[in-house]
PDB file of N, CA and C in Angstrom:
ATOM      1  N   MET A   1     -28.532  10.022 -62.956  1.00  0.00           N
ATOM      2  CA  MET A   1     -27.901   9.479 -61.777  1.00  0.00           C
ATOM      3  C   MET A   1     -27.479  10.635 -60.875  1.00  0.00           C
ATOM      4  N   THR A   2     -27.816  10.543 -59.610  1.00  0.00           N
ATOM      5  CA  THR A   2     -27.444  11.596 -58.668  1.00  0.00           C
ATOM      6  C   THR A   2     -26.239  11.160 -57.863  1.00  0.00           C
ATOM      7  N   GLN A   3     -25.466  12.153 -57.495  1.00  0.00           N
ATOM      8  CA  GLN A   3     -24.271  11.868 -56.704  1.00  0.00           C
ATOM      9  C   GLN A   3     -24.623  11.861 -55.223  1.00  0.00           C
ATOM     10  N   ALA A   4     -23.959  11.009 -54.504  1.00  0.00           N
ATOM     11  CA  ALA A   4     -24.128  10.988 -53.054  1.00  0.00           C
ATOM     12  C   ALA A   4     -23.498  12.249 -52.479  1.00  0.00           C
ATOM     13  N   PRO A   5     -24.094  12.781 -51.431  1.00  0.00           N
ATOM     14  CA  PRO A   5     -23.487  13.983 -50.834  1.00  0.00           C
ATOM     15  C   PRO A   5     -22.087  13.673 -50.326  1.00  0.00           C
ATOM     16  N   ALA A   6     -21.232  14.649 -50.477  1.00  0.00           N
ATOM     17  CA  ALA A   6     -19.852  14.491 -50.004  1.00  0.00           C
ATOM     18  C   ALA A   6     -19.859  14.390 -48.487  1.00  0.00           C
ATOM     19  N   PRO A   7     -19.040  13.495 -47.959  1.00  0.00           N
ATOM     20  CA  PRO A   7     -18.990  13.413 -46.493  1.00  0.00           C
ATOM     21  C   PRO A   7     -18.466  14.723 -45.925  1.00  0.00           C
ATOM     22  N   SER A   8     -19.054  15.124 -44.818  1.00  0.00           N
ATOM     23  CA  SER A   8     -18.583  16.375 -44.218  1.00  0.00           C
ATOM     24  C   SER A   8     -17.204  16.144 -43.618  1.00  0.00           C
ATOM     25  N   GLU A   9     -16.440  17.216 -43.607  1.00  0.00           N
ATOM     26  CA  GLU A   9     -15.095  17.110 -43.047  1.00  0.00           C
ATOM     27  C   GLU A   9     -15.211  16.933 -41.543  1.00  0.00           C
ATOM     28  N   PRO A  10     -14.422  16.032 -40.994  1.00  0.00           N
ATOM     29  CA  PRO A  10     -14.484  15.851 -39.542  1.00  0.00           C
ATOM     30  C   PRO A  10     -14.007  17.111 -38.831  1.00  0.00           C
ATOM     31  N   GLU A  11     -14.634  17.385 -37.706  1.00  0.00           N
ATOM     32  CA  GLU A  11     -14.250  18.556 -36.920  1.00  0.00           C
ATOM     33  C   GLU A  11     -12.870  18.330 -36.312  1.00  0.00           C
ATOM     34  N   VAL A  12     -12.021  19.332 -36.440  1.00  0.00           N
ATOM     35  CA  VAL A  12     -10.672  19.249 -35.875  1.00  0.00           C
ATOM     36  C   VAL A  12     -10.781  19.447 -34.368  1.00  0.00           C
ATOM     37  N   PRO A  13     -10.188  18.556 -33.580  1.00  0.00           N
ATOM     38  CA  PRO A  13     -10.233  18.741 -32.124  1.00  0.00           C
ATOM     39  C   PRO A  13      -9.611  20.079 -31.725  1.00  0.00           C
ATOM     40  N   LEU A  14     -10.208  20.724 -30.748  1.00  0.00           N
ATOM     41  CA  LEU A  14      -9.709  22.024 -30.297  1.00  0.00           C
ATOM     42  C   LEU A  14      -8.243  21.965 -29.902  1.00  0.00           C
ATOM     43  N   GLU A  15      -7.827  20.846 -29.315  1.00  0.00           N
ATOM     44  CA  GLU A  15      -6.429  20.710 -28.899  1.00  0.00           C
ATOM     45  C   GLU A  15      -5.476  20.894 -30.079  1.00  0.00           C
ATOM     46  N   GLU A  16      -5.910  20.472 -31.259  1.00  0.00           N
ATOM     47  CA  GLU A  16      -5.061  20.593 -32.447  1.00  0.00           C
ATOM     48  C   GLU A  16      -5.091  21.994 -33.037  1.00  0.00           C
ATOM     49  N   GLU A  17      -6.084  22.786 -32.665  1.00  0.00           N
ATOM     50  CA  GLU A  17      -6.192  24.146 -33.189  1.00  0.00           C
ATOM     51  C   GLU A  17      -5.389  25.150 -32.366  1.00  0.00           C
ATOM     52  N   ALA A  18      -5.059  24.806 -31.140  1.00  0.00           N
ATOM     53  CA  ALA A  18      -4.310  25.713 -30.269  1.00  0.00           C
ATOM     54  C   ALA A  18      -2.844  25.709 -30.670  1.00  0.00           C
ATOM     55  N   GLY A  19      -2.215  26.869 -30.560  1.00  0.00           N
ATOM     56  CA  GLY A  19      -0.804  26.932 -30.897  1.00  0.00           C
ATOM     57  C   GLY A  19      -0.150  28.182 -30.358  1.00  0.00           C
ATOM     58  N   PRO A  20       1.178  28.224 -30.448  1.00  0.00           N
ATOM     59  CA  PRO A  20       1.914  29.381 -29.938  1.00  0.00           C
ATOM     60  C   PRO A  20       1.745  30.601 -30.840  1.00  0.00           C
ATOM     61  N   LEU A  21       1.754  31.758 -30.224  1.00  0.00           N
ATOM     62  CA  LEU A  21       1.611  33.011 -30.953  1.00  0.00           C
ATOM     63  C   LEU A  21       2.383  34.074 -30.192  1.00  0.00           C
ATOM     64  N   ARG A  22       3.118  34.902 -30.919  1.00  0.00           N
ATOM     65  CA  ARG A  22       3.843  36.030 -30.317  1.00  0.00           C
ATOM     66  C   ARG A  22       2.931  37.254 -30.333  1.00  0.00           C
ATOM     67  N   TRP A  23       3.283  38.249 -29.533  1.00  0.00           N
ATOM     68  CA  TRP A  23       2.476  39.462 -29.449  1.00  0.00           C
ATOM     69  C   TRP A  23       2.329  40.129 -30.810  1.00  0.00           C
ATOM     70  N   ASP A  24       3.398  40.184 -31.593  1.00  0.00           N
ATOM     71  CA  ASP A  24       3.290  40.857 -32.896  1.00  0.00           C
ATOM     72  C   ASP A  24       2.302  40.139 -33.821  1.00  0.00           C
ATOM     73  N   GLU A  25       2.083  38.845 -33.614  1.00  0.00           N
ATOM     74  CA  GLU A  25       1.101  38.100 -34.407  1.00  0.00           C
ATOM     75  C   GLU A  25      -0.314  38.278 -33.850  1.00  0.00           C
ATOM     76  N   LEU A  26      -0.406  38.526 -32.562  1.00  0.00           N
ATOM     77  CA  LEU A  26      -1.702  38.705 -31.906  1.00  0.00           C
ATOM     78  C   LEU A  26      -2.213  40.139 -32.046  1.00  0.00           C
ATOM     79  N   MET A  27      -1.288  41.085 -32.233  1.00  0.00           N
ATOM     80  CA  MET A  27      -1.621  42.507 -32.263  1.00  0.00           C
ATOM     81  C   MET A  27      -2.739  42.869 -33.253  1.00  0.00           C
ATOM     82  N   PRO A  28      -2.734  42.355 -34.497  1.00  0.00           N
ATOM     83  CA  PRO A  28      -3.822  42.723 -35.414  1.00  0.00           C
ATOM     84  C   PRO A  28      -5.201  42.298 -34.891  1.00  0.00           C
ATOM     85  N   HIS A  29      -5.253  41.188 -34.191  1.00  0.00           N
ATOM     86  CA  HIS A  29      -6.521  40.731 -33.617  1.00  0.00           C
ATOM     87  C   HIS A  29      -6.934  41.639 -32.458  1.00  0.00           C
ATOM     88  N   PHE A  30      -5.948  42.082 -31.669  1.00  0.00           N
ATOM     89  CA  PHE A  30      -6.223  43.036 -30.598  1.00  0.00           C
ATOM     90  C   PHE A  30      -6.789  44.324 -31.194  1.00  0.00           C
ATOM     91  N   ALA A  31      -6.201  44.786 -32.287  1.00  0.00           N
ATOM     92  CA  ALA A  31      -6.662  46.019 -32.932  1.00  0.00           C
ATOM     93  C   ALA A  31      -8.120  45.897 -33.392  1.00  0.00           C
ATOM     94  N   ARG A  32      -8.548  44.681 -33.728  1.00  0.00           N
ATOM     95  CA  ARG A  32      -9.937  44.444 -34.142  1.00  0.00           C
ATOM     96  C   ARG A  32     -10.864  44.264 -32.938  1.00  0.00           C
ATOM     97  N   GLY A  33     -10.276  44.208 -31.729  1.00  0.00           N
ATOM     98  CA  GLY A  33     -11.086  44.087 -30.523  1.00  0.00           C
ATOM     99  C   GLY A  33     -11.612  42.694 -30.241  1.00  0.00           C
ATOM    100  N   VAL A  34     -10.914  41.662 -30.743  1.00  0.00           N
ATOM    101  CA  VAL A  34     -11.429  40.299 -30.601  1.00  0.00           C
ATOM    102  C   VAL A  34     -10.565  39.395 -29.724  1.00  0.00           C
ATOM    103  N   VAL A  35      -9.569  39.966 -29.036  1.00  0.00           N
ATOM    104  CA  VAL A  35      -8.700  39.143 -28.190  1.00  0.00           C
ATOM    105  C   VAL A  35      -9.302  39.041 -26.790  1.00  0.00           C
ATOM    106  N   ILE A  36      -9.411  37.808 -26.326  1.00  0.00           N
ATOM    107  CA  ILE A  36      -9.866  37.517 -24.971  1.00  0.00           C
ATOM    108  C   ILE A  36      -8.678  36.980 -24.191  1.00  0.00           C
ATOM    109  N   ARG A  37      -8.349  37.655 -23.086  1.00  0.00           N
ATOM    110  CA  ARG A  37      -7.255  37.229 -22.211  1.00  0.00           C
ATOM    111  C   ARG A  37      -7.786  36.133 -21.291  1.00  0.00           C
ATOM    112  N   VAL A  38      -7.056  35.015 -21.225  1.00  0.00           N
ATOM    113  CA  VAL A  38      -7.456  33.872 -20.399  1.00  0.00           C
ATOM    114  C   VAL A  38      -6.424  33.703 -19.285  1.00  0.00           C
ATOM    115  N   ALA A  39      -6.897  33.656 -18.051  1.00  0.00           N
ATOM    116  CA  ALA A  39      -6.005  33.511 -16.893  1.00  0.00           C
ATOM    117  C   ALA A  39      -5.232  32.199 -16.968  1.00  0.00           C
ATOM    118  N   PRO A  40      -3.998  32.207 -16.467  1.00  0.00           N
ATOM    119  CA  PRO A  40      -3.147  31.013 -16.571  1.00  0.00           C
ATOM    120  C   PRO A  40      -3.677  29.802 -15.812  1.00  0.00           C
ATOM    121  N   GLU A  41      -4.506  30.026 -14.795  1.00  0.00           N
ATOM    122  CA  GLU A  41      -5.005  28.878 -14.033  1.00  0.00           C
ATOM    123  C   GLU A  41      -6.130  28.123 -14.738  1.00  0.00           C
ATOM    124  N   LEU A  42      -6.656  28.691 -15.824  1.00  0.00           N
ATOM    125  CA  LEU A  42      -7.730  28.025 -16.563  1.00  0.00           C
ATOM    126  C   LEU A  42      -7.167  27.143 -17.669  1.00  0.00           C
ATOM    127  N   ASP A  43      -7.916  26.121 -18.019  1.00  0.00           N
ATOM    128  CA  ASP A  43      -7.580  25.257 -19.147  1.00  0.00           C
ATOM    129  C   ASP A  43      -8.080  25.943 -20.420  1.00  0.00           C
ATOM    130  N   LEU A  44      -7.164  26.354 -21.275  1.00  0.00           N
ATOM    131  CA  LEU A  44      -7.518  27.108 -22.477  1.00  0.00           C
ATOM    132  C   LEU A  44      -8.500  26.342 -23.357  1.00  0.00           C
ATOM    133  N   ILE A  45      -8.328  25.042 -23.475  1.00  0.00           N
ATOM    134  CA  ILE A  45      -9.224  24.237 -24.312  1.00  0.00           C
ATOM    135  C   ILE A  45     -10.631  24.234 -23.721  1.00  0.00           C
ATOM    136  N   GLU A  46     -10.729  24.122 -22.412  1.00  0.00           N
ATOM    137  CA  GLU A  46     -12.038  24.163 -21.749  1.00  0.00           C
ATOM    138  C   GLU A  46     -12.716  25.515 -21.987  1.00  0.00           C
ATOM    139  N   VAL A  47     -11.944  26.592 -21.907  1.00  0.00           N
ATOM    140  CA  VAL A  47     -12.493  27.928 -22.145  1.00  0.00           C
ATOM    141  C   VAL A  47     -12.957  28.053 -23.599  1.00  0.00           C
ATOM    142  N   ALA A  48     -12.143  27.596 -24.533  1.00  0.00           N
ATOM    143  CA  ALA A  48     -12.519  27.660 -25.950  1.00  0.00           C
ATOM    144  C   ALA A  48     -13.794  26.864 -26.202  1.00  0.00           C
ATOM    145  N   ARG A  49     -13.894  25.701 -25.588  1.00  0.00           N
ATOM    146  CA  ARG A  49     -15.090  24.865 -25.756  1.00  0.00           C
ATOM    147  C   ARG A  49     -16.319  25.593 -25.204  1.00  0.00           C
ATOM    148  N   ALA A  50     -16.174  26.258 -24.058  1.00  0.00           N
ATOM    149  CA  ALA A  50     -17.294  27.000 -23.473  1.00  0.00           C
ATOM    150  C   ALA A  50     -17.721  28.155 -24.373  1.00  0.00           C
ATOM    151  N   PHE A  51     -16.752  28.866 -24.956  1.00  0.00           N
ATOM    152  CA  PHE A  51     -17.080  29.952 -25.888  1.00  0.00           C
ATOM    153  C   PHE A  51     -17.758  29.388 -27.132  1.00  0.00           C
ATOM    154  N   ARG A  52     -17.200  28.323 -27.680  1.00  0.00           N
ATOM    155  CA  ARG A  52     -17.743  27.725 -28.905  1.00  0.00           C
ATOM    156  C   ARG A  52     -19.161  27.205 -28.693  1.00  0.00           C
ATOM    157  N   ASP A  53     -19.383  26.586 -27.529  1.00  0.00           N
ATOM    158  CA  ASP A  53     -20.682  25.968 -27.250  1.00  0.00           C
ATOM    159  C   ASP A  53     -21.673  26.933 -26.610  1.00  0.00           C
ATOM    160  N   ASP A  54     -21.284  28.197 -26.487  1.00  0.00           N
ATOM    161  CA  ASP A  54     -22.128  29.237 -25.904  1.00  0.00           C
ATOM    162  C   ASP A  54     -22.586  28.864 -24.494  1.00  0.00           C
ATOM    163  N   ALA A  55     -21.635  28.400 -23.685  1.00  0.00           N
ATOM    164  CA  ALA A  55     -21.908  28.038 -22.288  1.00  0.00           C
ATOM    165  C   ALA A  55     -21.946  29.315 -21.451  1.00  0.00           C
ATOM    166  N   THR A  56     -23.037  30.039 -21.573  1.00  0.00           N
ATOM    167  CA  THR A  56     -23.171  31.375 -21.002  1.00  0.00           C
ATOM    168  C   THR A  56     -22.909  31.410 -19.501  1.00  0.00           C
ATOM    169  N   HIS A  57     -23.449  30.461 -18.773  1.00  0.00           N
ATOM    170  CA  HIS A  57     -23.278  30.467 -17.312  1.00  0.00           C
ATOM    171  C   HIS A  57     -21.797  30.371 -16.935  1.00  0.00           C
ATOM    172  N   GLN A  58     -21.079  29.435 -17.555  1.00  0.00           N
ATOM    173  CA  GLN A  58     -19.663  29.246 -17.232  1.00  0.00           C
ATOM    174  C   GLN A  58     -18.837  30.465 -17.639  1.00  0.00           C
ATOM    175  N   VAL A  59     -19.069  30.972 -18.845  1.00  0.00           N
ATOM    176  CA  VAL A  59     -18.324  32.144 -19.322  1.00  0.00           C
ATOM    177  C   VAL A  59     -18.611  33.350 -18.429  1.00  0.00           C
ATOM    178  N   SER A  60     -19.858  33.522 -18.025  1.00  0.00           N
ATOM    179  CA  SER A  60     -20.218  34.639 -17.138  1.00  0.00           C
ATOM    180  C   SER A  60     -19.493  34.546 -15.804  1.00  0.00           C
ATOM    181  N   GLU A  61     -19.354  33.326 -15.295  1.00  0.00           N
ATOM    182  CA  GLU A  61     -18.635  33.126 -14.034  1.00  0.00           C
ATOM    183  C   GLU A  61     -17.164  33.526 -14.185  1.00  0.00           C
ATOM    184  N   TRP A  62     -16.530  33.095 -15.274  1.00  0.00           N
ATOM    185  CA  TRP A  62     -15.130  33.470 -15.508  1.00  0.00           C
ATOM    186  C   TRP A  62     -14.991  34.979 -15.672  1.00  0.00           C
ATOM    187  N   LEU A  63     -15.936  35.595 -16.388  1.00  0.00           N
ATOM    188  CA  LEU A  63     -15.898  37.051 -16.563  1.00  0.00           C
ATOM    189  C   LEU A  63     -16.028  37.755 -15.215  1.00  0.00           C
ATOM    190  N   ALA A  64     -16.947  37.298 -14.384  1.00  0.00           N
ATOM    191  CA  ALA A  64     -17.164  37.910 -13.071  1.00  0.00           C
ATOM    192  C   ALA A  64     -15.926  37.792 -12.189  1.00  0.00           C
ATOM    193  N   ASN A  65     -15.176  36.718 -12.355  1.00  0.00           N
ATOM    194  CA  ASN A  65     -13.956  36.498 -11.567  1.00  0.00           C
ATOM    195  C   ASN A  65     -12.706  37.060 -12.240  1.00  0.00           C
ATOM    196  N   ASN A  66     -12.888  37.771 -13.359  1.00  0.00           N
ATOM    197  CA  ASN A  66     -11.790  38.343 -14.144  1.00  0.00           C
ATOM    198  C   ASN A  66     -10.790  37.279 -14.602  1.00  0.00           C
ATOM    199  N   GLN A  67     -11.273  36.053 -14.801  1.00  0.00           N
ATOM    200  CA  GLN A  67     -10.412  34.985 -15.315  1.00  0.00           C
ATOM    201  C   GLN A  67     -10.387  34.986 -16.837  1.00  0.00           C
ATOM    202  N   VAL A  68     -11.404  35.544 -17.445  1.00  0.00           N
ATOM    203  CA  VAL A  68     -11.389  35.844 -18.875  1.00  0.00           C
ATOM    204  C   VAL A  68     -11.896  37.274 -19.023  1.00  0.00           C
ATOM    205  N   ALA A  69     -11.317  37.993 -19.953  1.00  0.00           N
ATOM    206  CA  ALA A  69     -11.718  39.379 -20.182  1.00  0.00           C
ATOM    207  C   ALA A  69     -11.231  39.804 -21.556  1.00  0.00           C
ATOM    208  N   ARG A  70     -11.953  40.733 -22.138  1.00  0.00           N
ATOM    209  CA  ARG A  70     -11.462  41.303 -23.389  1.00  0.00           C
ATOM    210  C   ARG A  70     -10.142  41.996 -23.081  1.00  0.00           C
ATOM    211  N   ALA A  71      -9.135  41.748 -23.887  1.00  0.00           N
ATOM    212  CA  ALA A  71      -7.818  42.345 -23.664  1.00  0.00           C
ATOM    213  C   ALA A  71      -7.941  43.867 -23.667  1.00  0.00           C
ATOM    214  N   SER A  72      -7.296  44.483 -22.696  1.00  0.00           N
ATOM    215  CA  SER A  72      -7.376  45.933 -22.523  1.00  0.00           C
ATOM    216  C   SER A  72      -6.139  46.620 -23.101  1.00  0.00           C
ATOM    217  N   ASP A  73      -6.203  47.941 -23.144  1.00  0.00           N
ATOM    218  CA  ASP A  73      -5.032  48.709 -23.569  1.00  0.00           C
ATOM    219  C   ASP A  73      -3.864  48.477 -22.613  1.00  0.00           C
ATOM    220  N   ASP A  74      -4.157  48.329 -21.316  1.00  0.00           N
ATOM    221  CA  ASP A  74      -3.092  48.035 -20.345  1.00  0.00           C
ATOM    222  C   ASP A  74      -2.443  46.685 -20.642  1.00  0.00           C
ATOM    223  N   ASP A  75      -3.258  45.679 -20.998  1.00  0.00           N
ATOM    224  CA  ASP A  75      -2.701  44.378 -21.397  1.00  0.00           C
ATOM    225  C   ASP A  75      -1.772  44.564 -22.591  1.00  0.00           C
ATOM    226  N   ALA A  76      -2.229  45.315 -23.579  1.00  0.00           N
ATOM    227  CA  ALA A  76      -1.438  45.513 -24.802  1.00  0.00           C
ATOM    228  C   ALA A  76      -0.114  46.204 -24.502  1.00  0.00           C
ATOM    229  N   ARG A  77      -0.134  47.207 -23.631  1.00  0.00           N
ATOM    230  CA  ARG A  77       1.117  47.895 -23.277  1.00  0.00           C
ATOM    231  C   ARG A  77       2.083  46.932 -22.588  1.00  0.00           C
ATOM    232  N   ARG A  78       1.563  46.123 -21.662  1.00  0.00           N
ATOM    233  CA  ARG A  78       2.411  45.158 -20.956  1.00  0.00           C
ATOM    234  C   ARG A  78       2.960  44.124 -21.934  1.00  0.00           C
ATOM    235  N   TRP A  79       2.122  43.636 -22.833  1.00  0.00           N
ATOM    236  CA  TRP A  79       2.569  42.642 -23.806  1.00  0.00           C
ATOM    237  C   TRP A  79       3.609  43.232 -24.755  1.00  0.00           C
ATOM    238  N   ALA A  80       3.421  44.486 -25.156  1.00  0.00           N
ATOM    239  CA  ALA A  80       4.397  45.127 -26.041  1.00  0.00           C
ATOM    240  C   ALA A  80       5.744  45.273 -25.335  1.00  0.00           C
ATOM    241  N   ALA A  81       5.718  45.558 -24.041  1.00  0.00           N
ATOM    242  CA  ALA A  81       6.963  45.731 -23.280  1.00  0.00           C
ATOM    243  C   ALA A  81       7.654  44.402 -22.989  1.00  0.00           C
ATOM    244  N   ASN A  82       6.874  43.352 -22.732  1.00  0.00           N
ATOM    245  CA  ASN A  82       7.437  42.067 -22.302  1.00  0.00           C
ATOM    246  C   ASN A  82       7.576  41.032 -23.410  1.00  0.00           C
ATOM    247  N   ASP A  83       6.920  41.241 -24.532  1.00  0.00           N
ATOM    248  CA  ASP A  83       6.965  40.329 -25.680  1.00  0.00           C
ATOM    249  C   ASP A  83       6.721  38.868 -25.281  1.00  0.00           C
ATOM    250  N   PRO A  84       5.579  38.581 -24.657  1.00  0.00           N
ATOM    251  CA  PRO A  84       5.317  37.209 -24.234  1.00  0.00           C
ATOM    252  C   PRO A  84       4.960  36.301 -25.404  1.00  0.00           C
ATOM    253  N   VAL A  85       5.036  35.011 -25.142  1.00  0.00           N
ATOM    254  CA  VAL A  85       4.525  34.001 -26.063  1.00  0.00           C
ATOM    255  C   VAL A  85       3.206  33.529 -25.468  1.00  0.00           C
ATOM    256  N   PHE A  86       2.205  33.380 -26.320  1.00  0.00           N
ATOM    257  CA  PHE A  86       0.880  32.957 -25.901  1.00  0.00           C
ATOM    258  C   PHE A  86       0.584  31.582 -26.480  1.00  0.00           C
ATOM    259  N   THR A  87      -0.333  30.891 -25.845  1.00  0.00           N
ATOM    260  CA  THR A  87      -1.037  29.813 -26.513  1.00  0.00           C
ATOM    261  C   THR A  87      -2.357  30.442 -26.910  1.00  0.00           C
ATOM    262  N   ALA A  88      -2.720  30.314 -28.173  1.00  0.00           N
ATOM    263  CA  ALA A  88      -3.923  30.968 -28.670  1.00  0.00           C
ATOM    264  C   ALA A  88      -4.778  29.976 -29.440  1.00  0.00           C
ATOM    265  N   ILE A  89      -6.061  30.260 -29.450  1.00  0.00           N
ATOM    266  CA  ILE A  89      -7.014  29.432 -30.177  1.00  0.00           C
ATOM    267  C   ILE A  89      -8.175  30.318 -30.603  1.00  0.00           C
ATOM    268  N   VAL A  90      -8.714  30.056 -31.769  1.00  0.00           N
ATOM    269  CA  VAL A  90      -9.856  30.816 -32.261  1.00  0.00           C
ATOM    270  C   VAL A  90     -11.136  30.116 -31.824  1.00  0.00           C
ATOM    271  N   ALA A  91     -12.018  30.881 -31.202  1.00  0.00           N
ATOM    272  CA  ALA A  91     -13.387  30.464 -30.915  1.00  0.00           C
ATOM    273  C   ALA A  91     -14.230  31.586 -31.503  1.00  0.00           C
ATOM    274  N   ALA A  92     -14.409  31.518 -32.820  1.00  0.00           N
ATOM    275  CA  ALA A  92     -14.966  32.618 -33.602  1.00  0.00           C
ATOM    276  C   ALA A  92     -16.172  33.250 -32.907  1.00  0.00           C
ATOM    277  N   PRO A  93     -16.196  34.565 -32.854  1.00  0.00           N
ATOM    278  CA  PRO A  93     -15.298  35.515 -33.505  1.00  0.00           C
ATOM    279  C   PRO A  93     -14.083  35.880 -32.657  1.00  0.00           C
ATOM    280  N   TRP A  94     -13.909  35.217 -31.534  1.00  0.00           N
ATOM    281  CA  TRP A  94     -12.867  35.585 -30.588  1.00  0.00           C
ATOM    282  C   TRP A  94     -11.559  34.839 -30.824  1.00  0.00           C
ATOM    283  N   VAL A  95     -10.463  35.487 -30.410  1.00  0.00           N
ATOM    284  CA  VAL A  95      -9.155  34.834 -30.335  1.00  0.00           C
ATOM    285  C   VAL A  95      -8.809  34.786 -28.849  1.00  0.00           C
ATOM    286  N   LEU A  96      -8.776  33.579 -28.300  1.00  0.00           N
ATOM    287  CA  LEU A  96      -8.472  33.396 -26.885  1.00  0.00           C
ATOM    288  C   LEU A  96      -6.968  33.271 -26.736  1.00  0.00           C
ATOM    289  N   ALA A  97      -6.388  34.035 -25.829  1.00  0.00           N
ATOM    290  CA  ALA A  97      -4.931  34.056 -25.667  1.00  0.00           C
ATOM    291  C   ALA A  97      -4.565  33.901 -24.200  1.00  0.00           C
ATOM    292  N   GLN A  98      -3.631  32.998 -23.963  1.00  0.00           N
ATOM    293  CA  GLN A  98      -3.154  32.727 -22.608  1.00  0.00           C
ATOM    294  C   GLN A  98      -1.638  32.854 -22.614  1.00  0.00           C
ATOM    295  N   GLU A  99      -1.108  33.732 -21.765  1.00  0.00           N
ATOM    296  CA  GLU A  99       0.349  33.922 -21.707  1.00  0.00           C
ATOM    297  C   GLU A  99       1.030  32.643 -21.265  1.00  0.00           C
ATOM    298  N   ARG A 100       2.097  32.291 -21.983  1.00  0.00           N
ATOM    299  CA  ARG A 100       2.903  31.120 -21.622  1.00  0.00           C
ATOM    300  C   ARG A 100       4.214  31.541 -21.003  1.00  0.00           C
ATOM    301  N   SER A 101       4.902  32.462 -21.666  1.00  0.00           N
ATOM    302  CA  SER A 101       6.229  32.867 -21.203  1.00  0.00           C
ATOM    303  C   SER A 101       6.588  34.196 -21.828  1.00  0.00           C
ATOM    304  N   THR A 102       7.671  34.752 -21.333  1.00  0.00           N
ATOM    305  CA  THR A 102       8.210  35.977 -21.908  1.00  0.00           C
ATOM    306  C   THR A 102       9.347  35.595 -22.830  1.00  0.00           C
ATOM    307  N   ALA A 103       9.398  36.199 -24.000  1.00  0.00           N
ATOM    308  CA  ALA A 103      10.389  35.837 -25.017  1.00  0.00           C
ATOM    309  C   ALA A 103      11.797  36.267 -24.639  1.00  0.00           C
ATOM    310  N   HIS A 104      11.932  37.304 -23.818  1.00  0.00           N
ATOM    311  CA  HIS A 104      13.277  37.804 -23.481  1.00  0.00           C
ATOM    312  C   HIS A 104      13.997  36.868 -22.555  1.00  0.00           C
TER     313      HIS A 104
END
């Protein structure tokens, strides 16, 4: 007798994967070079979906407009000084981070 294949786990909606993150929690990902800074005017979930789905045209447009960019050393210095809170989401291999507020 053969067993039926196990049902695959349902995909978790991106909205449920996004959450708050402090700079000290984001720092190890920055050190690995995988943090993508997302401009506040963009919808983080839409950006994550575009990265996940390899929507090259849309991502290229955001990159050209500097609305998404790999986090720079200047970003890291500013974040270390201001200790912001981010909304972050993983779109493997990237960690997308959008500043929400300053903790101070």
